[in-house]
Amino acid sequence: MIERAGLILLAQRPAHKHLGLKWEFPGGKVEPGETPAAAIVREIREELGCDFAITRALPPFIHAYAEPIELIPFVGHLAPGSPEPHPHEHAALRWVAPADLASFDLAAADLPILAQLL
């Protein structure tokens, strides 16, 4: 979860992918031999073209889609000197006030993260 000036960045999944057009907190998979913290920094760079600085971790949890996935959420901000996020792998990006997050059609796996935030 990327925070800036009291807002949180949401990314909209492309229409042709699983959960198409749902909104999500950007992230991705941990590669073999990679720590979760290194993975989120790499994934944000690959997906959004920006640099992510972690400020805290949230408790990990399991979400069951067709196959269960473990989510290891981190909260942070753009690193100093980072370019602005760009939707390289998403349909759209939006900075959203925390109170407005529930009005977005979030991917089900992100709902527990939203509950922790609020």
C-alpha atoms as a PDB file:
ATOM      1  CA  MET A   1       0.000   0.000   0.000  1.00  0.00           C
ATOM      2  CA  ILE A   2       1.583   3.269  -1.135  1.00  0.00           C
ATOM      3  CA  GLU A   3       0.632   6.346   0.907  1.00  0.00           C
ATOM      4  CA  ARG A   4       1.134   9.997  -0.044  1.00  0.00           C
ATOM      5  CA  ALA A   5      -0.308  13.136   1.539  1.00  0.00           C
ATOM      6  CA  GLY A   6      -3.064  11.172   3.277  1.00  0.00           C
ATOM      7  CA  LEU A   7      -4.039   9.301   0.094  1.00  0.00           C
ATOM      8  CA  ILE A   8      -3.524   5.675  -0.936  1.00  0.00           C
ATOM      9  CA  LEU A   9      -2.675   4.448  -4.422  1.00  0.00           C
ATOM     10  CA  LEU A  10      -5.095   2.004  -6.043  1.00  0.00           C
ATOM     11  CA  ALA A  11      -4.402   0.207  -9.315  1.00  0.00           C
ATOM     12  CA  GLN A  12      -7.072  -1.162 -11.644  1.00  0.00           C
ATOM     13  CA  ARG A  13      -6.428  -4.589 -13.126  1.00  0.00           C
ATOM     14  CA  PRO A  14      -6.540  -4.864 -16.944  1.00  0.00           C
ATOM     15  CA  ALA A  15      -9.853  -6.107 -18.357  1.00  0.00           C
ATOM     16  CA  HIS A  16      -8.292  -9.203 -19.961  1.00  0.00           C
ATOM     17  CA  LYS A  17      -6.649 -10.521 -16.756  1.00  0.00           C
ATOM     18  CA  HIS A  18      -8.034 -12.517 -13.823  1.00  0.00           C
ATOM     19  CA  LEU A  19     -10.260 -10.186 -11.770  1.00  0.00           C
ATOM     20  CA  GLY A  20     -10.360  -7.764 -14.706  1.00  0.00           C
ATOM     21  CA  LEU A  21     -11.164  -4.128 -13.845  1.00  0.00           C
ATOM     22  CA  LYS A  22     -11.110  -4.794 -10.086  1.00  0.00           C
ATOM     23  CA  TRP A  23      -9.077  -2.319  -8.060  1.00  0.00           C
ATOM     24  CA  GLU A  24      -6.163  -3.502  -5.930  1.00  0.00           C
ATOM     25  CA  PHE A  25      -3.228  -2.433  -3.848  1.00  0.00           C
ATOM     26  CA  PRO A  26      -0.240  -3.002  -6.163  1.00  0.00           C
ATOM     27  CA  GLY A  27       2.060  -5.908  -5.426  1.00  0.00           C
ATOM     28  CA  GLY A  28       3.022  -9.320  -6.680  1.00  0.00           C
ATOM     29  CA  LYS A  29       4.645 -12.657  -6.093  1.00  0.00           C
ATOM     30  CA  VAL A  30       7.735 -13.423  -4.045  1.00  0.00           C
ATOM     31  CA  GLU A  31      10.344 -15.142  -6.224  1.00  0.00           C
ATOM     32  CA  PRO A  32      12.400 -18.092  -4.917  1.00  0.00           C
ATOM     33  CA  GLY A  33      15.234 -16.856  -2.694  1.00  0.00           C
ATOM     34  CA  GLU A  34      13.673 -13.390  -2.347  1.00  0.00           C
ATOM     35  CA  THR A  35      12.442 -11.839   0.889  1.00  0.00           C
ATOM     36  CA  PRO A  36       8.886 -10.463   0.933  1.00  0.00           C
ATOM     37  CA  ALA A  37      10.278  -6.935   1.470  1.00  0.00           C
ATOM     38  CA  ALA A  38      12.604  -7.221  -1.540  1.00  0.00           C
ATOM     39  CA  ALA A  39       9.716  -8.653  -3.589  1.00  0.00           C
ATOM     40  CA  ILE A  40       7.386  -5.718  -2.973  1.00  0.00           C
ATOM     41  CA  VAL A  41      10.082  -3.193  -3.858  1.00  0.00           C
ATOM     42  CA  ARG A  42      10.839  -5.125  -7.088  1.00  0.00           C
ATOM     43  CA  GLU A  43       7.163  -5.601  -7.985  1.00  0.00           C
ATOM     44  CA  ILE A  44       6.340  -1.898  -7.487  1.00  0.00           C
ATOM     45  CA  ARG A  45       9.302  -0.963  -9.687  1.00  0.00           C
ATOM     46  CA  GLU A  46       8.201  -3.440 -12.403  1.00  0.00           C
ATOM     47  CA  GLU A  47       4.462  -2.651 -12.267  1.00  0.00           C
ATOM     48  CA  LEU A  48       4.547   1.086 -11.645  1.00  0.00           C
ATOM     49  CA  GLY A  49       8.051   2.245 -12.610  1.00  0.00           C
ATOM     50  CA  CYS A  50       8.619   3.913  -9.250  1.00  0.00           C
ATOM     51  CA  ASP A  51      10.644   3.286  -6.096  1.00  0.00           C
ATOM     52  CA  PHE A  52       8.874   2.107  -2.931  1.00  0.00           C
ATOM     53  CA  ALA A  53      10.157   2.712   0.603  1.00  0.00           C
ATOM     54  CA  ILE A  54       8.606   0.423   3.237  1.00  0.00           C
ATOM     55  CA  THR A  55       7.500   2.037   6.499  1.00  0.00           C
ATOM     56  CA  ARG A  56       5.769  -0.932   8.135  1.00  0.00           C
ATOM     57  CA  ALA A  57       4.460  -4.431   7.566  1.00  0.00           C
ATOM     58  CA  LEU A  58       0.901  -5.550   8.220  1.00  0.00           C
ATOM     59  CA  PRO A  59       0.082  -9.069   9.437  1.00  0.00           C
ATOM     60  CA  PRO A  60       0.179 -11.681   6.662  1.00  0.00           C
ATOM     61  CA  PHE A  61      -2.936 -13.706   5.898  1.00  0.00           C
ATOM     62  CA  ILE A  62      -4.272 -16.366   3.534  1.00  0.00           C
ATOM     63  CA  HIS A  63      -7.008 -15.644   0.986  1.00  0.00           C
ATOM     64  CA  ALA A  64      -8.748 -18.457  -0.877  1.00  0.00           C
ATOM     65  CA  TYR A  65      -9.440 -17.811  -4.538  1.00  0.00           C
ATOM     66  CA  ALA A  66      -9.467 -21.043  -6.624  1.00  0.00           C
ATOM     67  CA  GLU A  67      -6.091 -21.667  -4.987  1.00  0.00           C
ATOM     68  CA  PRO A  68      -5.178 -20.129  -1.632  1.00  0.00           C
ATOM     69  CA  ILE A  69      -2.634 -17.297  -1.725  1.00  0.00           C
ATOM     70  CA  GLU A  70      -0.645 -15.806   1.131  1.00  0.00           C
ATOM     71  CA  LEU A  71      -0.645 -12.022   1.229  1.00  0.00           C
ATOM     72  CA  ILE A  72       2.156 -10.224   3.025  1.00  0.00           C
ATOM     73  CA  PRO A  73       1.094  -6.565   3.006  1.00  0.00           C
ATOM     74  CA  PHE A  74       3.472  -3.651   3.412  1.00  0.00           C
ATOM     75  CA  VAL A  75       2.748   0.041   3.832  1.00  0.00           C
ATOM     76  CA  GLY A  76       5.122   2.681   2.564  1.00  0.00           C
ATOM     77  CA  HIS A  77       5.617   5.702   0.353  1.00  0.00           C
ATOM     78  CA  LEU A  78       7.439   6.696  -2.785  1.00  0.00           C
ATOM     79  CA  ALA A  79      11.170   6.838  -2.128  1.00  0.00           C
ATOM     80  CA  PRO A  80      12.808  10.275  -2.358  1.00  0.00           C
ATOM     81  CA  GLY A  81      13.534  11.092  -5.999  1.00  0.00           C
ATOM     82  CA  SER A  82      11.212   8.353  -7.282  1.00  0.00           C
ATOM     83  CA  PRO A  83       9.387   8.921 -10.555  1.00  0.00           C
ATOM     84  CA  GLU A  84       5.604   9.165 -10.372  1.00  0.00           C
ATOM     85  CA  PRO A  85       3.782   5.820 -10.579  1.00  0.00           C
ATOM     86  CA  HIS A  86       2.762   4.840 -14.104  1.00  0.00           C
ATOM     87  CA  PRO A  87       0.285   2.055 -14.963  1.00  0.00           C
ATOM     88  CA  HIS A  88       2.705  -0.199 -16.896  1.00  0.00           C
ATOM     89  CA  GLU A  89       0.654  -3.316 -16.060  1.00  0.00           C
ATOM     90  CA  HIS A  90      -2.668  -1.758 -14.968  1.00  0.00           C
ATOM     91  CA  ALA A  91      -5.611  -0.106 -16.705  1.00  0.00           C
ATOM     92  CA  ALA A  92      -5.548   2.919 -14.374  1.00  0.00           C
ATOM     93  CA  LEU A  93      -4.118   4.331 -11.146  1.00  0.00           C
ATOM     94  CA  ARG A  94      -5.899   6.528  -8.634  1.00  0.00           C
ATOM     95  CA  TRP A  95      -4.869   8.258  -5.390  1.00  0.00           C
ATOM     96  CA  VAL A  96      -7.784   7.751  -2.972  1.00  0.00           C
ATOM     97  CA  ALA A  97      -8.662   9.036   0.496  1.00  0.00           C
ATOM     98  CA  PRO A  98      -8.879   6.138   2.991  1.00  0.00           C
ATOM     99  CA  ALA A  99     -12.545   6.962   3.699  1.00  0.00           C
ATOM    100  CA  ASP A 100     -13.328   6.482  -0.020  1.00  0.00           C
ATOM    101  CA  LEU A 101     -11.550   3.141  -0.524  1.00  0.00           C
ATOM    102  CA  ALA A 102     -14.663   1.090   0.303  1.00  0.00           C
ATOM    103  CA  SER A 103     -16.506   2.684  -2.642  1.00  0.00           C
ATOM    104  CA  PHE A 104     -14.113   0.993  -5.115  1.00  0.00           C
ATOM    105  CA  ASP A 105     -14.681  -2.519  -6.478  1.00  0.00           C
ATOM    106  CA  LEU A 106     -11.656  -4.024  -4.731  1.00  0.00           C
ATOM    107  CA  ALA A 107     -10.296  -7.503  -5.371  1.00  0.00           C
ATOM    108  CA  ALA A 108     -11.526  -9.784  -2.568  1.00  0.00           C
ATOM    109  CA  ALA A 109      -7.994 -10.500  -1.339  1.00  0.00           C
ATOM    110  CA  ASP A 110      -7.491  -6.778  -0.639  1.00  0.00           C
ATOM    111  CA  LEU A 111     -10.572  -6.416   1.580  1.00  0.00           C
ATOM    112  CA  PRO A 112      -8.780  -7.678   4.744  1.00  0.00           C
ATOM    113  CA  ILE A 113      -6.021  -5.130   4.099  1.00  0.00           C
ATOM    114  CA  LEU A 114      -8.653  -2.398   3.846  1.00  0.00           C
ATOM    115  CA  ALA A 115     -10.169  -3.608   7.144  1.00  0.00           C
ATOM    116  CA  GLN A 116      -6.748  -3.391   8.839  1.00  0.00           C
ATOM    117  CA  LEU A 117      -6.251   0.107   7.490  1.00  0.00           C
ATOM    118  CA  LEU A 118      -9.629   1.407   8.613  1.00  0.00           C
END
